[in-house]
Protein backbone atom coordinates (compact mmCIF):
# COMPACT_ATOMS: atom_id res chain seq x y z
CA MET A 1 0.00 0.00 0.00
CA THR A 2 1.19 3.51 -0.82
CA LYS A 3 2.75 5.30 2.17
CA VAL A 4 1.51 8.88 2.46
CA LEU A 5 2.84 11.45 4.92
CA ILE A 6 0.70 14.50 5.69
CA LEU A 7 2.66 17.50 6.97
CA VAL A 8 0.40 19.99 8.73
CA ASN A 9 1.24 23.61 9.49
CA PRO A 10 -0.45 24.00 12.90
CA ASP A 11 -0.17 27.79 12.70
CA LYS A 12 -2.09 28.02 9.41
CA ALA A 13 -5.79 28.65 9.91
CA GLY A 14 -7.83 25.67 8.75
CA ALA A 15 -4.88 23.30 8.26
CA PRO A 16 -5.44 21.10 11.37
CA GLU A 17 -9.16 20.88 10.57
CA ALA A 18 -8.40 19.98 6.96
CA SER A 19 -6.10 17.20 8.17
CA GLN A 20 -8.82 15.75 10.40
CA SER A 21 -11.26 15.83 7.50
CA LEU A 22 -8.85 14.38 4.92
CA CYS A 23 -7.31 11.54 6.97
CA PRO A 24 -10.40 9.24 7.14
CA TRP A 25 -10.92 9.51 3.39
CA LEU A 26 -7.25 8.97 2.61
CA SER A 27 -6.80 6.10 5.10
CA LYS A 28 -9.09 3.95 2.98
CA ARG A 29 -6.72 4.35 0.04
CA ALA A 30 -3.23 4.54 1.54
CA ASP A 31 -1.09 3.99 4.64
CA VAL A 32 -1.30 7.47 6.21
CA THR A 33 0.93 9.18 8.79
CA THR A 34 0.41 12.75 10.03
CA MET A 35 3.05 15.12 11.42
CA ASP A 36 3.35 18.81 12.18
CA LEU A 37 5.83 20.82 10.14
CA ALA A 38 9.13 21.29 11.97
CA ASP A 39 12.72 22.28 11.30
CA ALA A 40 14.06 18.77 12.04
CA PRO A 41 14.71 16.35 9.15
CA LEU A 42 12.25 13.52 8.55
CA ASP A 43 13.02 9.99 9.70
CA ALA A 44 10.24 8.43 7.61
CA VAL A 45 10.58 7.73 3.89
CA PRO A 46 7.05 7.85 2.41
CA ASP A 47 6.02 7.44 -1.21
CA LEU A 48 4.17 10.77 -1.25
CA VAL A 49 4.17 13.87 0.95
CA ILE A 50 1.12 16.11 1.30
CA VAL A 51 1.65 19.58 2.74
CA LEU A 52 -1.32 21.37 4.31
CA GLY A 53 -0.45 25.04 4.47
CA GLY A 54 0.78 27.68 2.05
CA ASP A 55 3.89 28.28 -0.01
CA GLY A 56 5.95 28.94 3.13
CA SER A 57 4.90 25.53 4.45
CA ILE A 58 6.27 23.89 1.32
CA LEU A 59 9.60 25.70 1.77
CA ARG A 60 9.85 24.27 5.28
CA ALA A 61 8.82 20.82 4.04
CA ALA A 62 11.63 20.96 1.48
CA ARG A 63 14.15 21.35 4.32
CA MET A 64 12.47 18.57 6.32
CA LEU A 65 12.95 16.19 3.39
CA ALA A 66 16.71 16.76 3.77
CA GLY A 67 17.47 15.96 0.14
CA ARG A 68 15.08 13.02 -0.28
CA GLU A 69 13.52 13.25 -3.74
CA ILE A 70 9.93 12.37 -2.76
CA PRO A 71 6.96 13.82 -4.71
CA VAL A 72 5.19 16.58 -2.80
CA VAL A 73 1.59 17.76 -3.18
CA GLY A 74 0.76 21.19 -1.82
CA ILE A 75 -2.81 21.80 -0.60
CA ASN A 76 -3.17 25.54 -0.28
CA MET A 77 -4.43 26.91 3.04
CA GLY A 78 -2.68 30.25 2.57
CA LYS A 79 -3.03 33.33 0.37
CA LEU A 80 -1.05 33.01 -2.85
CA GLY A 81 -0.77 29.29 -3.53
CA TYR A 82 1.98 29.51 -6.12
CA LEU A 83 3.67 26.28 -5.01
CA ALA A 84 0.65 24.79 -3.24
CA GLU A 85 -1.33 24.19 -6.43
CA PHE A 86 -4.22 22.07 -5.15
CA ASN A 87 -7.21 22.64 -2.93
CA ALA A 88 -8.60 19.71 -0.93
CA ASP A 89 -11.32 18.86 -3.45
CA GLU A 90 -8.89 18.93 -6.37
CA PHE A 91 -6.50 16.66 -4.50
CA CYS A 92 -9.19 14.07 -3.76
CA HIS A 93 -10.42 14.22 -7.35
CA ARG A 94 -6.91 13.68 -8.75
CA PHE A 95 -5.57 11.32 -6.07
CA ASP A 96 -5.70 8.20 -8.25
CA ASP A 97 -3.88 10.07 -11.03
CA ILE A 98 -1.23 11.25 -8.58
CA ILE A 99 -0.58 7.74 -7.21
CA ALA A 100 -0.52 6.25 -10.71
CA GLY A 101 2.01 8.84 -11.87
CA ARG A 102 -0.32 10.36 -14.43
CA LEU A 103 0.26 13.93 -13.23
CA PRO A 104 3.55 15.59 -14.17
CA ILE A 105 6.21 16.12 -11.53
CA SER A 106 8.11 19.38 -11.71
CA ARG A 107 11.74 18.88 -10.70
CA ARG A 108 12.84 22.08 -8.99
CA MET A 109 16.47 23.10 -8.64
CA MET A 110 17.65 23.77 -5.09
CA LEU A 111 20.64 25.58 -3.62
CA SER A 112 23.25 24.26 -1.22
CA VAL A 113 24.13 27.00 1.29
CA GLN A 114 27.05 26.81 3.69
CA CYS A 115 27.63 29.53 6.29
CA GLU A 116 31.25 29.55 7.52
CA THR A 117 32.13 31.62 10.58
CA ALA A 118 35.57 32.68 11.79
CA ALA A 119 34.97 30.65 14.96
CA GLY A 120 34.85 27.48 12.86
CA ARG A 121 31.09 26.99 12.97
CA ILE A 122 29.53 25.69 9.75
CA ALA A 123 25.78 25.68 9.10
CA ARG A 124 24.43 23.91 6.01
CA TYR A 125 21.05 24.27 4.34
CA ARG A 126 19.18 23.17 1.23
CA VAL A 127 17.20 26.07 -0.15
CA LEU A 128 14.23 25.99 -2.52
CA ASN A 129 13.54 29.72 -2.95
CA ASP A 130 16.41 32.01 -2.04
CA VAL A 131 19.20 33.01 0.30
CA LEU A 132 19.71 36.56 1.54
CA VAL A 133 22.76 38.20 3.13
CA ALA A 134 21.87 41.49 4.81
CA GLY A 135 22.93 43.83 7.59
CA THR A 136 21.37 43.55 11.01
CA LEU A 137 20.82 47.30 11.50
CA PRO A 138 17.79 48.60 9.60
CA HIS A 139 18.22 51.67 7.38
CA GLN A 140 22.03 51.36 7.36
CA MET A 141 24.19 50.11 4.52
CA VAL A 142 26.15 46.90 4.60
CA GLY A 143 29.06 45.96 2.34
CA ILE A 144 28.97 42.48 0.78
CA GLN A 145 31.95 41.26 -1.20
CA THR A 146 30.90 38.85 -3.94
CA THR A 147 32.93 36.30 -5.87
CA ILE A 148 31.92 33.84 -8.59
CA ASP A 149 34.06 30.68 -8.85
CA GLY A 150 36.77 32.41 -6.84
CA GLN A 151 36.92 35.48 -9.08
CA GLU A 152 35.96 38.84 -7.63
CA LEU A 153 32.73 40.25 -9.02
CA THR A 154 32.24 43.39 -6.91
CA THR A 155 31.42 44.64 -3.44
CA TYR A 156 27.80 45.66 -3.13
CA PHE A 157 26.93 48.51 -0.79
CA GLY A 158 23.26 48.62 0.09
CA ASP A 159 20.64 46.71 2.06
CA ALA A 160 21.41 43.13 1.03
CA VAL A 161 22.27 40.65 -1.70
CA LEU A 162 19.78 37.96 -2.74
CA VAL A 163 20.50 34.73 -4.61
CA SER A 164 17.41 33.06 -6.02
CA THR A 165 16.44 29.84 -7.75
CA PRO A 166 13.91 29.82 -10.63
CA THR A 167 11.28 28.75 -8.09
CA GLY A 168 12.13 31.76 -5.93
CA SER A 169 12.11 34.18 -8.86
CA THR A 170 8.41 34.91 -8.29
CA ALA A 171 8.95 35.65 -4.58
CA TYR A 172 11.45 38.12 -3.06
CA CYS A 173 13.38 38.20 -6.34
CA LEU A 174 10.33 39.55 -8.17
CA ALA A 175 9.64 42.13 -5.46
CA ALA A 176 13.28 43.30 -5.64
CA GLY A 177 13.10 43.90 -9.40
CA GLY A 178 14.66 40.62 -10.51
CA PRO A 179 13.57 38.60 -13.55
CA ILE A 180 10.90 35.90 -13.60
CA LEU A 181 12.42 32.55 -14.59
CA THR A 182 10.40 29.56 -15.76
CA PRO A 183 10.32 26.96 -12.96
CA ARG A 184 12.20 24.24 -14.86
CA LEU A 185 15.00 26.54 -16.02
CA GLU A 186 18.40 25.73 -14.51
CA ALA A 187 19.94 29.01 -13.41
CA MET A 188 20.68 31.23 -10.43
CA VAL A 189 19.83 34.92 -10.08
CA LEU A 190 21.93 37.37 -8.09
CA VAL A 191 19.94 40.47 -7.10
CA PRO A 192 21.41 43.45 -5.21
CA ILE A 193 18.82 44.93 -2.85
CA CYS A 194 18.73 48.74 -2.82
CA ALA A 195 22.34 49.00 -3.96
CA HIS A 196 23.87 52.47 -3.65
CA SER A 197 24.78 52.59 -7.32
CA LEU A 198 23.42 53.67 -10.69
CA THR A 199 24.80 50.60 -12.45
CA HIS A 200 24.13 47.44 -10.44
CA ARG A 201 21.60 45.13 -12.06
CA PRO A 202 20.44 41.52 -11.43
CA ILE A 203 22.65 38.82 -12.96
CA VAL A 204 21.39 35.48 -14.30
CA MET A 205 24.11 32.85 -14.26
CA ARG A 206 24.68 29.18 -14.97
CA PRO A 207 23.77 26.79 -12.15
CA ASP A 208 27.23 25.23 -11.92
CA ARG A 209 28.79 28.40 -10.48
CA GLU A 210 29.78 28.86 -6.84
CA LEU A 211 29.00 32.20 -5.24
CA VAL A 212 30.66 33.42 -2.06
CA LEU A 213 29.10 36.36 -0.20
CA THR A 214 31.24 37.98 2.50
CA PRO A 215 29.96 40.84 4.67
CA CYS A 216 32.94 43.12 4.96
CA ALA A 217 32.15 46.67 6.02
CA LEU A 218 29.87 49.26 7.61
CA GLN A 219 28.12 46.98 10.11
CA LYS A 220 29.57 44.78 12.86
CA GLU A 221 27.12 41.97 12.14
CA ALA A 222 25.15 40.62 9.21
CA VAL A 223 22.67 37.80 8.76
CA CYS A 224 22.15 34.99 6.29
CA VAL A 225 18.45 34.18 5.83
CA VAL A 226 17.44 30.98 4.02
CA ASP A 227 14.00 30.84 2.38
CA GLY A 228 12.93 33.73 4.60
CA GLN A 229 12.59 31.35 7.55
CA GLU A 230 15.93 30.50 9.19
CA THR A 231 18.65 32.96 10.15
CA VAL A 232 22.38 32.67 10.83
CA THR A 233 24.24 35.60 12.41
CA LEU A 234 27.47 36.55 10.63
CA ALA A 235 30.42 38.71 11.64
CA ALA A 236 32.51 40.72 9.19
CA GLY A 237 34.65 38.27 7.25
CA ASP A 238 32.36 35.26 7.67
CA ARG A 239 31.43 33.63 4.37
CA VAL A 240 28.30 32.24 2.76
CA ARG A 241 28.97 29.69 0.00
CA ILE A 242 26.13 29.12 -2.45
CA LYS A 243 25.99 26.54 -5.20
CA ARG A 244 23.53 24.18 -6.81
CA ALA A 245 22.42 21.29 -4.63
CA ARG A 246 22.81 17.76 -5.95
CA GLU A 247 19.21 16.97 -5.00
CA GLU A 248 16.06 18.43 -6.52
CA PHE A 249 12.64 19.14 -5.07
CA LEU A 250 9.81 17.14 -6.67
CA LEU A 251 6.52 19.05 -6.87
CA VAL A 252 3.38 17.41 -8.27
CA HIS A 253 1.85 19.77 -10.83
CA ASN A 254 -1.87 20.41 -11.00
CA THR A 255 -2.61 20.33 -14.75
CA ASP A 256 -5.86 22.20 -14.14
CA ARG A 257 -3.81 25.27 -13.23
CA PRO A 258 -1.65 26.67 -16.06
CA ALA A 259 1.88 27.63 -15.10
CA TYR A 260 1.30 31.39 -15.07
CA SER A 261 -2.31 31.50 -13.92
CA THR A 262 -1.36 32.50 -10.37
CA LEU A 263 0.70 35.43 -11.64
CA ARG A 264 -2.20 36.60 -13.78
CA GLU A 265 -5.01 36.02 -11.32
CA LYS A 266 -3.41 36.97 -7.99
CA LEU A 267 -0.56 39.31 -8.92
CA ASN A 268 -2.45 40.98 -11.80
CA TRP A 269 0.40 40.20 -14.20
CA GLY A 270 0.01 41.81 -17.61
CA ARG A 271 -2.97 43.96 -16.64
CA GLY A 272 -3.05 47.19 -18.61
CA PRO A 273 -4.14 50.62 -17.41
CA GLY A 274 -7.84 51.10 -16.75
CA TYR A 275 -8.68 52.81 -20.05
CA GLY A 276 -12.25 51.50 -20.02
CA TRP A 277 -11.50 49.57 -23.24
CA ASN A 278 -11.16 45.80 -23.46
CA GLY A 279 -9.16 45.76 -26.71
CA THR A 280 -12.10 45.13 -29.03
CA GLU A 281 -14.81 47.61 -28.09
CA ARG A 282 -15.01 50.69 -25.95
CA LYS A 283 -17.02 50.33 -22.76
């Protein structure tokens, strides 16, 4: 029997209730285990993971999987639902197709992030969306020296530097003026945040590069933030190494939702000015 793990975000309104409603139905069709989302890696190895929450819940689930390439279904209990593509009814309707492998699985590139401190501490993360290096003092500049494959790129002076995956390109990267990448594209985006310069622009680069971000000036401390959820404090001279992870994140795609429908419907992508004209006849 198919082993299904349900990961529930207990802080998301409606998620615990949805789990209680879904489990009896699902237990008749699979071997079901339920857990709350946490920052600790999973011990279990199910055939399918269901995440009850929003897009942030899926980011946390990606870290819980700790590199295991297990298909994940997101049931949206949040606002945007860009990664969590199903609602509960859609999931139940398509469950047989999911188990039979008839729905496509989107293989998402992840980043391997290693924070190295002068004291010898090393923290490692797998990141689905993005990694940010920023100063700890609001409204004050931080200097971040940046190298690519050991060669100096520049030192950014501003609020922060963001490195995004294609999956993360519609999140902080988009808000910071970076490009939108198609989810299956293999690339990394480097985006300076509020750089004090007239020339700095986002850079799209090959995924086999290694970036090193080093806070170096203007503030005593900086932080590395992974997927907007976990934070490592850095001192001047500490380094953050970023490269492509060997593992990928497997996301079951809801074929009833076109790839860019969320951008159009919830972010109003491509909407023109309100001229009172629909393109064919004046209203």
